[in-house]
Protein backbone atom coordinates (compact mmCIF):
# COMPACT_ATOMS: atom_id res chain seq x y z
CA ALA A 1 -11.67 32.42 27.70
CA ARG A 2 -9.80 29.62 29.39
CA ARG A 3 -6.34 28.88 28.10
CA PRO A 4 -4.99 25.31 28.01
CA ARG A 5 -2.25 24.38 30.42
CA PRO A 6 1.07 25.95 29.40
CA VAL A 7 2.73 22.56 28.75
CA LEU A 8 -0.07 21.00 26.68
CA ASP A 9 1.77 21.87 23.46
CA SER A 10 4.94 20.12 24.60
CA LEU A 11 2.97 17.17 26.00
CA VAL A 12 1.28 16.58 22.63
CA ALA A 13 4.56 16.95 20.74
CA LEU A 14 6.48 14.60 23.03
CA PHE A 15 3.67 12.03 22.90
CA LEU A 16 3.78 12.11 19.11
CA PHE A 17 7.56 11.74 19.27
CA GLY A 18 7.08 8.56 21.31
CA VAL A 19 4.58 7.28 18.74
CA MET A 20 7.11 8.05 16.01
CA LEU A 21 9.81 6.06 17.85
CA VAL A 22 7.44 3.09 18.15
CA ALA A 23 6.63 3.28 14.44
CA LEU A 24 10.35 3.36 13.62
CA ARG A 25 10.90 0.23 15.73
CA GLU A 26 7.93 -1.51 14.17
CA ARG A 27 8.95 -0.61 10.63
CA SER A 28 12.64 -1.39 10.94
CA GLY A 29 12.55 -4.39 13.22
CA ARG A 30 15.60 -3.00 14.99
CA LEU A 31 15.86 -1.26 18.32
CA ALA A 32 19.02 0.70 17.43
CA LEU A 33 17.22 3.00 15.01
CA PRO A 34 14.77 4.57 17.49
CA ILE A 35 17.52 4.71 20.14
CA GLY A 36 19.73 6.64 17.71
CA VAL A 37 16.87 8.94 16.68
CA HIS A 38 16.07 9.67 20.34
CA ALA A 39 19.70 10.39 21.16
CA GLY A 40 20.04 12.66 18.14
CA SER A 41 16.90 14.56 19.03
CA VAL A 42 18.10 15.15 22.59
CA ILE A 43 21.27 16.66 21.18
CA VAL A 44 19.31 18.87 18.76
CA VAL A 45 16.95 20.09 21.50
CA ARG A 46 19.87 20.90 23.80
CA LEU A 47 21.65 22.81 21.06
CA LEU A 48 18.52 24.70 20.09
CA ARG A 49 17.91 25.71 23.72
CA GLU A 50 21.48 26.85 24.05
CA TYR A 51 21.79 28.88 20.86
CA THR A 52 18.34 30.31 20.17
CA VAL A 53 16.12 32.84 21.88
CA VAL A 54 12.33 32.76 21.69
CA ASP A 55 10.83 36.14 20.93
CA GLN A 56 7.72 36.05 23.12
CA GLY A 57 6.46 39.24 21.43
CA SER A 58 6.27 37.54 18.02
CA SER A 59 2.85 36.63 16.64
CA LEU A 60 4.15 33.10 16.00
CA ALA A 61 5.62 32.55 19.51
CA TRP A 62 2.72 30.21 20.38
CA LEU A 63 4.19 27.63 17.93
CA VAL A 64 7.23 27.15 20.21
CA GLY A 65 6.98 24.86 23.24
CA THR A 66 6.64 26.44 26.64
CA TYR A 67 8.16 23.47 28.43
CA ASP A 68 11.57 23.30 26.75
CA GLY A 69 11.46 26.22 24.31
CA VAL A 70 11.52 23.83 21.31
CA MET A 71 8.82 21.15 21.12
CA GLY A 72 5.49 22.97 20.72
CA TRP A 73 2.55 23.03 18.35
CA LEU A 74 4.77 23.35 15.27
CA GLY A 75 6.80 20.33 16.38
CA ALA A 76 3.60 18.44 17.05
CA LEU A 77 2.33 19.14 13.58
CA TRP A 78 5.64 18.08 11.99
CA LEU A 79 5.76 14.90 14.09
CA CYS A 80 2.14 14.11 13.21
CA GLY A 81 3.09 14.23 9.52
CA LEU A 82 6.09 11.97 10.14
CA VAL A 83 3.93 9.43 12.03
CA VAL A 84 1.42 9.36 9.19
CA VAL A 85 4.19 8.79 6.62
CA LEU A 86 5.75 6.06 8.78
CA LEU A 87 2.47 4.28 9.37
CA ARG A 88 1.60 4.34 5.68
CA SER A 89 5.05 3.21 4.52
CA ARG A 90 6.16 -0.33 3.98
CA GLN A 91 8.87 -2.07 5.89
CA VAL A 92 12.33 -0.55 5.47
CA PRO A 93 14.29 -2.60 2.94
CA GLY A 94 16.95 -4.90 4.40
CA THR A 95 15.37 -5.02 7.82
CA VAL A 96 13.38 -7.57 9.78
CA ALA A 97 9.78 -6.80 10.75
CA ALA A 98 9.12 -6.73 14.45
CA PRO A 99 7.04 -9.71 15.62
CA MET A 100 3.41 -8.77 16.40
CA THR A 101 2.32 -10.37 19.63
């Protein structure tokens, strides 16, 4: 059986992260929110890579990303849920909706 490329899990997760950032921008009307979320996520990924070890022998190791050791299929599933919630939610109170052009 052919296995997908080793970075496909991370590619899907990072694509969904980008979609989530766009949804945050669209919902809040502000650019600072997705910039802050992106900066925070970079810090979290760096800390996780520094202070965790992936047990490749574990039966659940396939859930962890092969590209950076963090963003894999489990992250993609979590981000997919966040994107669905964001897209179904209303505009964040006290913010200005982004203009649709």
